[in-house]
Protein backbone atom coordinates (compact mmCIF):
# COMPACT_ATOMS: atom_id res chain seq x y z
CA MET A 1 165.00 34.05 108.41
CA PHE A 2 162.66 31.03 107.37
CA ASP A 3 164.53 28.26 109.09
CA LEU A 4 162.05 25.76 110.26
CA ASP A 5 163.97 25.07 113.37
CA ASN A 6 164.25 28.70 114.25
CA TRP A 7 160.35 29.09 114.00
CA SER A 8 159.61 25.90 115.91
CA GLU A 9 161.55 27.34 118.73
CA ILE A 10 160.10 30.64 118.71
CA TRP A 11 156.55 29.04 118.78
CA ALA A 12 157.80 26.91 121.68
CA ALA A 13 159.12 29.70 123.54
CA LEU A 14 155.86 31.92 123.08
CA SER A 15 153.40 28.98 123.87
CA SER A 16 155.20 27.98 127.01
CA ASN A 17 153.54 30.70 129.03
CA LYS A 18 150.28 31.32 127.31
CA LEU A 19 148.75 33.67 129.72
CA ARG A 20 151.65 35.97 129.83
CA THR A 21 152.04 35.79 125.95
CA LEU A 22 148.27 36.63 125.33
CA VAL A 23 148.40 39.52 127.89
CA THR A 24 151.34 41.00 126.20
CA ALA A 25 149.82 40.55 122.70
CA PHE A 26 146.80 42.17 123.77
CA GLY A 27 148.49 45.33 124.17
CA VAL A 28 149.68 45.41 120.51
CA PHE A 29 146.33 44.16 119.42
CA TRP A 30 144.60 47.05 121.26
CA GLY A 31 146.79 49.61 119.56
CA ILE A 32 146.62 48.62 116.08
CA PHE A 33 142.65 47.99 116.77
CA MET A 34 142.11 51.60 118.04
CA LEU A 35 144.21 52.95 115.22
CA MET A 36 142.19 51.25 112.70
CA LEU A 37 138.86 52.57 114.26
CA LEU A 38 140.15 56.04 114.50
CA LEU A 39 141.33 56.09 110.80
CA GLY A 40 138.03 54.52 109.66
CA SER A 41 135.98 56.93 111.60
CA GLY A 42 137.90 59.93 110.59
CA LYS A 43 137.34 58.74 106.98
CA GLY A 44 133.53 58.64 107.64
CA LEU A 45 133.62 62.24 109.03
CA GLU A 46 135.72 63.19 105.98
CA ASN A 47 133.31 61.68 103.67
CA GLY A 48 130.27 63.27 105.20
CA ILE A 49 131.70 66.67 105.22
CA SER A 50 133.04 66.39 101.55
CA ALA A 51 129.68 65.29 100.25
CA GLY A 52 128.58 68.80 101.26
CA PHE A 53 130.67 70.18 98.35
CA GLU A 54 129.48 67.68 95.81
CA GLY A 55 127.59 68.95 92.95
CA GLU A 56 129.20 72.31 93.28
CA ALA A 57 132.39 73.51 91.33
CA LYS A 58 135.23 73.84 93.80
CA ASN A 59 136.39 76.93 92.10
CA SER A 60 133.02 78.76 92.17
CA PHE A 61 132.11 81.96 94.40
CA PHE A 62 129.23 84.04 94.91
CA ILE A 63 128.57 87.82 95.21
CA TRP A 64 125.62 89.64 96.44
CA THR A 65 125.10 93.42 97.68
CA ARG A 66 124.71 94.83 101.08
CA ARG A 67 124.46 98.33 102.79
CA THR A 68 127.58 100.42 102.29
CA THR A 69 129.44 101.35 105.53
CA LYS A 70 131.52 104.21 104.46
CA PRO A 71 130.58 107.55 102.56
CA TYR A 72 132.31 107.80 98.98
CA ARG A 73 132.12 110.08 96.16
CA GLY A 74 129.40 112.48 97.92
CA LEU A 75 127.25 109.46 98.70
CA PRO A 76 126.35 108.70 102.28
CA ALA A 77 127.19 105.49 104.36
CA GLY A 78 124.20 103.14 104.73
CA ARG A 79 123.14 103.26 101.11
CA SER A 80 121.50 100.27 99.75
CA PHE A 81 122.01 99.13 95.78
CA ASP A 82 121.46 96.43 93.60
CA MET A 83 123.51 94.88 90.81
CA ASN A 84 122.24 95.00 87.30
CA ASN A 85 122.61 92.96 83.93
CA GLY A 86 125.30 95.51 82.83
CA ASP A 87 127.45 94.40 85.91
CA ALA A 88 127.37 90.64 84.84
CA GLU A 89 128.35 91.75 81.24
CA ALA A 90 131.27 93.79 82.56
CA VAL A 91 132.75 90.98 84.80
CA GLN A 92 132.55 88.61 81.84
CA HIS A 93 134.40 91.13 79.52
CA LEU A 94 136.90 92.85 81.89
CA VAL A 95 137.88 90.20 84.32
CA PRO A 96 139.76 87.41 82.27
CA GLU A 97 140.35 85.38 85.47
CA VAL A 98 136.64 84.60 85.37
CA ALA A 99 135.25 81.77 83.56
CA VAL A 100 131.59 81.47 84.25
CA VAL A 101 129.20 84.35 85.10
CA SER A 102 125.70 83.24 85.88
CA PRO A 103 123.33 86.06 87.32
CA ARG A 104 120.54 84.77 89.48
CA ASN A 105 117.26 86.03 90.88
CA GLN A 106 115.15 84.47 93.52
CA LEU A 107 111.53 85.30 93.82
CA GLY A 108 110.55 86.53 97.30
CA GLY A 109 114.32 86.83 98.09
CA PHE A 110 116.73 84.59 99.82
CA ARG A 111 114.76 81.25 101.03
CA GLY A 112 111.55 82.88 99.83
CA GLY A 113 108.82 80.63 99.31
CA ASN A 114 106.26 81.25 96.37
CA ASN A 115 102.54 80.00 95.89
CA VAL A 116 102.40 77.87 92.78
CA THR A 117 99.34 76.31 91.65
CA ARG A 118 98.21 73.66 89.25
CA ASP A 119 94.58 72.08 88.85
CA GLY A 120 93.46 72.94 92.40
CA LYS A 121 96.82 71.92 93.94
CA ALA A 122 99.26 74.43 95.64
CA GLY A 123 102.55 74.58 97.33
CA GLY A 124 105.34 77.06 98.53
CA PHE A 125 108.49 76.60 96.24
CA ASN A 126 111.54 78.44 95.45
CA VAL A 127 111.56 80.02 92.16
CA MET A 128 114.75 81.06 90.57
CA GLY A 129 115.57 83.04 87.60
CA ASP A 130 118.68 81.58 85.88
CA TYR A 131 121.08 81.26 82.91
CA PRO A 132 121.88 77.74 81.37
CA GLN A 133 125.33 78.45 82.63
CA ILE A 134 124.44 77.78 86.24
CA ARG A 135 124.80 73.96 85.37
CA ASP A 136 128.71 74.83 84.95
CA VAL A 137 128.72 76.15 88.60
CA MET A 138 126.30 73.46 90.16
CA SER A 139 125.11 70.22 89.18
CA ILE A 140 121.49 70.00 88.24
CA PRO A 141 120.63 66.47 86.90
CA VAL A 142 117.54 66.47 84.72
CA PRO A 143 116.57 62.87 84.04
CA GLU A 144 113.23 63.90 82.46
CA GLY A 145 113.09 66.44 79.87
CA ARG A 146 115.79 69.29 79.46
CA PHE A 147 117.12 72.30 81.42
CA LEU A 148 117.03 75.83 80.20
CA ASP A 149 118.79 76.82 76.92
CA PRO A 150 119.94 79.79 75.21
CA PHE A 151 117.01 80.03 73.08
CA ASP A 152 114.69 80.20 76.35
CA ILE A 153 116.98 83.31 77.34
CA GLN A 154 116.73 84.98 73.91
CA ASP A 155 113.15 84.64 73.40
CA ARG A 156 112.12 85.08 76.87
CA ARG A 157 110.17 81.73 76.82
CA LYS A 158 107.79 81.07 79.78
CA VAL A 159 109.13 77.62 80.42
CA ALA A 160 110.06 76.07 83.82
CA VAL A 161 112.16 73.19 85.03
CA ILE A 162 110.78 71.86 88.36
CA GLY A 163 112.32 69.79 91.20
CA ASN A 164 111.05 66.18 91.62
CA ARG A 165 109.26 67.29 95.05
CA VAL A 166 107.30 70.02 93.26
CA GLN A 167 106.26 67.03 90.67
CA GLU A 168 105.21 64.98 93.74
CA ILE A 169 103.10 67.78 95.30
CA LEU A 170 101.22 69.25 92.21
CA TYR A 171 100.89 65.96 90.26
CA GLU A 172 99.23 62.87 90.77
CA PRO A 173 101.48 59.64 90.95
CA GLY A 174 102.61 58.59 87.36
CA GLU A 175 101.24 61.78 85.88
CA GLU A 176 103.48 63.28 83.12
CA ALA A 177 104.61 66.56 83.96
CA ILE A 178 106.45 67.54 80.76
CA GLY A 179 104.39 69.60 78.45
CA SER A 180 101.93 70.65 81.28
CA TYR A 181 101.39 74.22 82.63
CA LEU A 182 101.62 75.42 86.21
CA ARG A 183 101.11 79.05 87.56
CA ILE A 184 103.51 81.12 89.54
CA ASN A 185 102.04 84.30 90.93
CA GLY A 186 99.46 84.56 88.24
CA VAL A 187 101.76 83.66 85.47
CA ASP A 188 101.74 80.41 83.41
CA PHE A 189 104.62 78.46 82.61
CA LYS A 190 105.18 75.26 80.57
CA VAL A 191 107.17 72.68 82.27
CA VAL A 192 109.92 71.17 80.18
CA GLY A 193 112.18 69.38 82.57
CA VAL A 194 112.32 67.61 86.02
CA THR A 195 115.41 67.74 88.27
CA VAL A 196 116.66 65.29 91.18
CA PRO A 197 119.04 66.81 93.75
CA MET A 198 122.46 65.57 94.00
CA GLN A 199 123.10 66.81 97.69
CA GLN A 200 121.74 65.42 100.86
CA GLY A 201 119.64 66.70 103.76
CA GLU A 202 118.33 70.18 103.86
CA ASP A 203 119.97 71.23 100.69
CA ALA A 204 118.57 68.17 98.82
CA GLN A 205 115.31 69.08 100.14
CA SER A 206 115.85 72.80 98.93
CA GLU A 207 116.68 71.68 95.41
CA ALA A 208 113.71 69.17 95.16
CA GLU A 209 111.65 72.09 95.89
CA THR A 210 112.98 74.48 93.31
CA ILE A 211 111.76 75.71 90.11
CA TYR A 212 114.17 77.06 87.53
CA ILE A 213 112.96 79.57 84.87
CA PRO A 214 114.72 81.68 82.17
CA PHE A 215 116.39 84.74 83.68
CA THR A 216 115.38 87.11 81.30
CA THR A 217 111.72 85.68 81.63
CA PHE A 218 111.93 86.02 85.25
CA GLN A 219 112.89 89.85 85.12
CA ARG A 220 110.00 90.71 82.72
CA ALA A 221 107.30 88.45 84.16
CA PHE A 222 108.00 89.61 87.74
CA ASN A 223 108.79 93.35 87.11
CA TYR A 224 112.30 93.03 88.13
CA GLY A 225 113.66 95.44 85.67
CA ASP A 226 117.43 94.85 85.10
CA THR A 227 117.87 93.88 88.78
CA VAL A 228 120.41 91.04 89.51
CA GLY A 229 120.06 89.37 93.01
CA TRP A 230 123.58 87.90 93.01
CA LEU A 231 126.26 86.61 90.84
CA THR A 232 127.37 83.04 90.50
CA LEU A 233 130.81 82.73 89.10
CA THR A 234 133.85 80.35 88.56
CA SER A 235 137.47 81.17 88.06
CA GLN A 236 139.50 79.72 85.19
CA PRO A 237 141.04 76.38 85.97
CA GLU A 238 144.47 77.68 86.73
CA ILE A 239 143.39 80.63 88.80
CA ARG A 240 142.50 80.58 92.44
CA ALA A 241 139.06 81.67 93.07
CA SER A 242 140.17 84.15 95.73
CA VAL A 243 142.11 85.86 93.15
CA ALA A 244 139.19 86.22 90.62
CA GLN A 245 136.85 87.22 93.51
CA GLU A 246 139.08 90.25 94.36
CA LYS A 247 139.29 91.38 90.67
CA VAL A 248 135.46 91.14 90.47
CA LEU A 249 134.80 92.96 93.83
CA ALA A 250 137.07 95.74 92.82
CA LEU A 251 135.15 96.19 89.29
CA LEU A 252 131.80 95.96 91.09
CA LYS A 253 132.95 98.79 93.57
CA ASP A 254 134.09 100.87 90.90
CA ARG A 255 130.80 100.74 88.85
CA HIS A 256 128.54 101.34 91.95
CA ARG A 257 130.68 103.82 93.56
CA VAL A 258 131.65 102.10 96.57
CA ASP A 259 134.68 103.02 98.57
CA PRO A 260 137.34 100.29 97.86
CA GLU A 261 138.15 99.72 101.36
CA ASP A 262 134.30 98.99 102.39
CA ASP A 263 134.52 95.40 102.63
CA ARG A 264 130.95 95.15 103.93
CA ALA A 265 129.57 96.72 101.10
CA PHE A 266 129.10 93.17 99.32
CA GLY A 267 128.54 89.82 100.71
CA SER A 268 130.46 86.97 99.20
CA TRP A 269 131.08 83.12 99.54
CA ASN A 270 134.02 81.40 98.31
CA THR A 271 133.62 77.51 97.91
CA GLU A 272 137.21 77.07 97.10
CA ASP A 273 138.47 78.73 100.27
CA GLU A 274 135.97 76.73 102.37
CA TYR A 275 137.00 73.38 100.50
CA LEU A 276 140.72 74.08 101.33
CA LYS A 277 139.84 74.70 104.93
CA VAL A 278 138.19 71.51 105.03
CA LEU A 279 141.10 69.61 103.68
CA GLY A 280 143.52 71.47 105.92
CA LEU A 281 141.36 70.34 108.94
CA PHE A 282 141.24 66.67 108.01
CA ALA A 283 144.90 66.55 107.08
CA GLY A 284 145.34 67.83 110.73
CA ILE A 285 142.79 65.15 112.05
CA ARG A 286 144.77 62.55 110.33
CA LEU A 287 148.04 63.47 111.75
CA LEU A 288 146.26 63.32 115.26
CA VAL A 289 144.87 59.97 114.72
CA TRP A 290 148.11 58.59 113.71
CA ILE A 291 149.95 60.38 116.73
CA VAL A 292 147.28 58.92 119.06
CA GLY A 293 147.13 55.45 117.34
CA ILE A 294 150.76 55.07 117.37
CA GLY A 295 150.98 56.31 121.02
CA THR A 296 148.73 53.67 121.80
CA LEU A 297 150.71 51.03 119.81
CA ALA A 298 153.91 52.27 121.69
CA ALA A 299 152.35 51.19 125.07
CA GLY A 300 151.85 47.75 123.69
CA VAL A 301 155.26 47.55 122.15
CA ILE A 302 157.02 48.60 125.38
CA GLY A 303 155.16 45.81 127.31
CA VAL A 304 156.55 43.49 124.54
CA SER A 305 160.01 44.74 124.96
CA ASN A 306 159.61 44.19 128.82
CA ILE A 307 158.53 40.61 128.48
CA MET A 308 161.07 39.85 126.17
CA LEU A 309 163.66 41.35 128.81
CA ILE A 310 162.23 38.70 131.29
CA VAL A 311 162.33 36.00 128.75
CA VAL A 312 165.97 36.76 128.05
CA LYS A 313 166.60 36.69 131.90
CA GLU A 314 164.74 33.20 132.48
CA ARG A 315 166.84 31.80 129.34
CA THR A 316 170.21 33.02 130.60
CA PRO A 317 171.47 29.41 130.93
CA GLU A 318 170.23 28.59 127.57
CA ILE A 319 171.88 31.49 125.86
CA GLY A 320 175.40 31.00 127.65
CA LEU A 321 175.36 27.32 126.63
CA ARG A 322 174.53 28.27 123.16
CA ARG A 323 177.35 30.82 123.16
CA ALA A 324 179.80 28.28 124.62
CA ILE A 325 179.27 25.88 121.94
CA GLY A 326 179.84 28.53 119.21
CA ALA A 327 176.55 30.49 118.67
CA THR A 328 177.51 33.73 117.23
CA PRO A 329 176.23 37.06 118.76
CA PHE A 330 174.07 37.51 115.31
CA SER A 331 172.44 34.36 115.77
CA ILE A 332 171.45 35.26 119.42
CA THR A 333 170.34 38.61 118.36
CA ARG A 334 168.31 37.36 115.49
CA GLN A 335 166.48 34.82 117.45
CA VAL A 336 165.50 37.31 120.11
CA LEU A 337 164.39 39.85 117.50
CA LEU A 338 162.32 37.24 115.49
CA GLU A 339 160.53 36.35 118.76
CA ALA A 340 159.63 39.99 119.36
CA MET A 341 158.50 40.76 115.76
CA ALA A 342 156.68 37.61 115.60
CA LEU A 343 154.60 38.31 118.58
CA THR A 344 154.06 41.94 117.64
CA ALA A 345 153.36 40.99 114.15
CA LEU A 346 150.78 38.40 114.91
CA ALA A 347 148.98 40.30 117.81
CA GLY A 348 149.00 43.48 115.33
CA TYR A 349 147.68 41.48 112.36
CA VAL A 350 144.72 40.33 114.25
CA GLY A 351 144.02 43.88 115.68
CA LEU A 352 144.28 45.25 112.21
CA LEU A 353 141.61 42.77 110.67
CA ALA A 354 139.38 43.15 113.79
CA GLY A 355 139.58 46.98 113.30
CA ILE A 356 138.81 46.86 109.45
CA GLY A 357 135.89 44.25 110.23
CA VAL A 358 134.44 46.43 112.76
CA ILE A 359 134.54 49.62 110.41
CA GLU A 360 133.10 47.34 107.67
CA ALA A 361 130.40 46.03 109.58
CA ALA A 362 129.48 49.73 110.80
CA ARG A 363 129.33 50.71 107.04
CA VAL A 364 127.28 47.87 106.02
CA ALA A 365 124.96 48.51 109.01
CA LEU A 366 124.64 52.16 108.29
CA LEU A 367 123.81 51.28 104.52
CA GLU A 368 121.10 48.67 105.66
CA ALA A 369 119.61 51.00 107.93
CA GLY A 370 119.18 53.52 105.35
CA GLN A 371 120.61 56.03 107.94
CA ASP A 372 120.90 59.48 106.35
CA LEU A 373 124.01 60.70 108.33
CA GLN A 374 125.04 64.14 106.66
CA MET A 375 128.27 64.26 108.76
CA PHE A 376 129.46 60.63 108.79
CA GLN A 377 129.25 58.49 105.36
CA ASN A 378 130.95 55.25 104.28
CA PRO A 379 133.47 54.84 106.99
CA SER A 380 136.55 52.89 105.63
CA VAL A 381 140.45 52.22 105.93
CA SER A 382 142.24 52.65 102.57
CA LEU A 383 144.77 49.95 101.47
CA ASP A 384 147.46 52.59 101.91
CA ASP A 385 146.60 53.20 105.59
CA ALA A 386 146.59 49.31 106.06
CA LEU A 387 149.98 48.94 104.41
CA LEU A 388 151.52 51.81 106.48
CA ALA A 389 150.03 50.25 109.52
CA LEU A 390 151.81 46.81 108.79
CA ALA A 391 155.08 48.74 108.06
CA VAL A 392 154.84 50.31 111.70
CA LEU A 393 154.32 47.05 113.16
CA ILE A 394 157.26 45.49 111.45
CA VAL A 395 159.29 48.33 112.83
CA ALA A 396 157.88 48.30 116.23
CA GLY A 397 158.40 44.60 116.56
CA GLY A 398 162.30 45.30 115.53
CA LEU A 399 162.41 48.11 118.29
CA ALA A 400 160.61 45.93 120.86
CA GLY A 401 163.24 43.04 120.63
CA LEU A 402 166.27 45.58 120.16
CA ILE A 403 167.20 46.06 123.83
CA PRO A 404 166.35 42.47 125.12
CA ALA A 405 168.63 41.19 121.98
CA ARG A 406 171.54 43.43 122.96
CA ARG A 407 171.01 42.21 126.77
CA ALA A 408 171.25 38.67 125.44
CA VAL A 409 174.49 39.19 123.36
CA GLY A 410 176.05 40.98 126.44
CA ILE A 411 175.73 37.80 128.68
CA SER A 412 178.88 36.17 129.23
CA PRO A 413 178.96 32.49 128.61
CA MET A 414 180.73 31.60 131.92
CA GLU A 415 178.55 33.71 134.18
CA ALA A 416 175.37 32.21 132.27
CA LEU A 417 176.70 28.64 132.69
CA ARG A 418 177.42 29.47 136.64
CA ALA A 419 173.87 30.95 136.87
């Protein structure tokens, strides 16, 4: 395999017709180059989509109420209703599949903006009534001060944790926010913490413009009674979120006299189901990328095989002479296979490096340009993919030389010498 004379002969054979060798090698180069580009671009897309799930528990789900669509127990269809504090307690105690239950309220309803003032400055921000357990469902970093704690809930303290965008709008640059007061719908709250968003894009902007206050304080200060806007929950680690969700919905339907078959009375969102769909989608994309890439590579390999057939035909007298002086079929086969594999491996390796280089250059360019592309982030090719591509190259080179090698071995020494 590492005989210097063999490799010298291979180099002489490949360099004897440089143009033909380069054109043939380009097919293999282009195939592996495109495979790397497709893999890197697919990974960038996967990273972008997966980033949307960062900062949120993958086994979380959310439930809210809507209008009923079926009559039940003497109650008409089209009835509206609200969840209450007792629902959250019932779920926590009666559904063992649930790990975390965190009721939430939002002032002004979903995506509602509220007038918040401080020292003559004002802004419209999201005001959320939350329990400390909300941080078990979604990541809320608090680099300054603290987040809500159980004593805030128990004592109904008028404290608030504000997003960094709220601080930018209501405070002067460099002004300390911790310990200051701001007014929400005429009620004063003391700022005890400042949060920063983990997500990007519109979600990041929404988080940066959010104010968190204790759930119990929210209900009393804004006359919500014991109304709960929606439940934020997570399943136990070993339990699928969809299983826990079904149990919770069944309990809530029974408590609010909703037909068990009325699937529109409650709205829900299951992060785990959506995340699994995304994983399945990208598994399919990766498979498609490999099919397309290998198909493109196969076109180049076929070109190598055809050229090797031509080379074998041109070298018929040489092969016949070698057979006549005692060369074994194995040595002839090895020589042809090594030539095909050398050409394929060299062209493929250059294509692999070029593809990875382009992907890396694109990644660095995006970082330096500061582009916030939510759907495309950090394109790259993993080491496993690169090694697998190299393995494909080796196999492809062997296949490219197999038919020409068999043709060479089948040449009769007498006919070859006569030719």
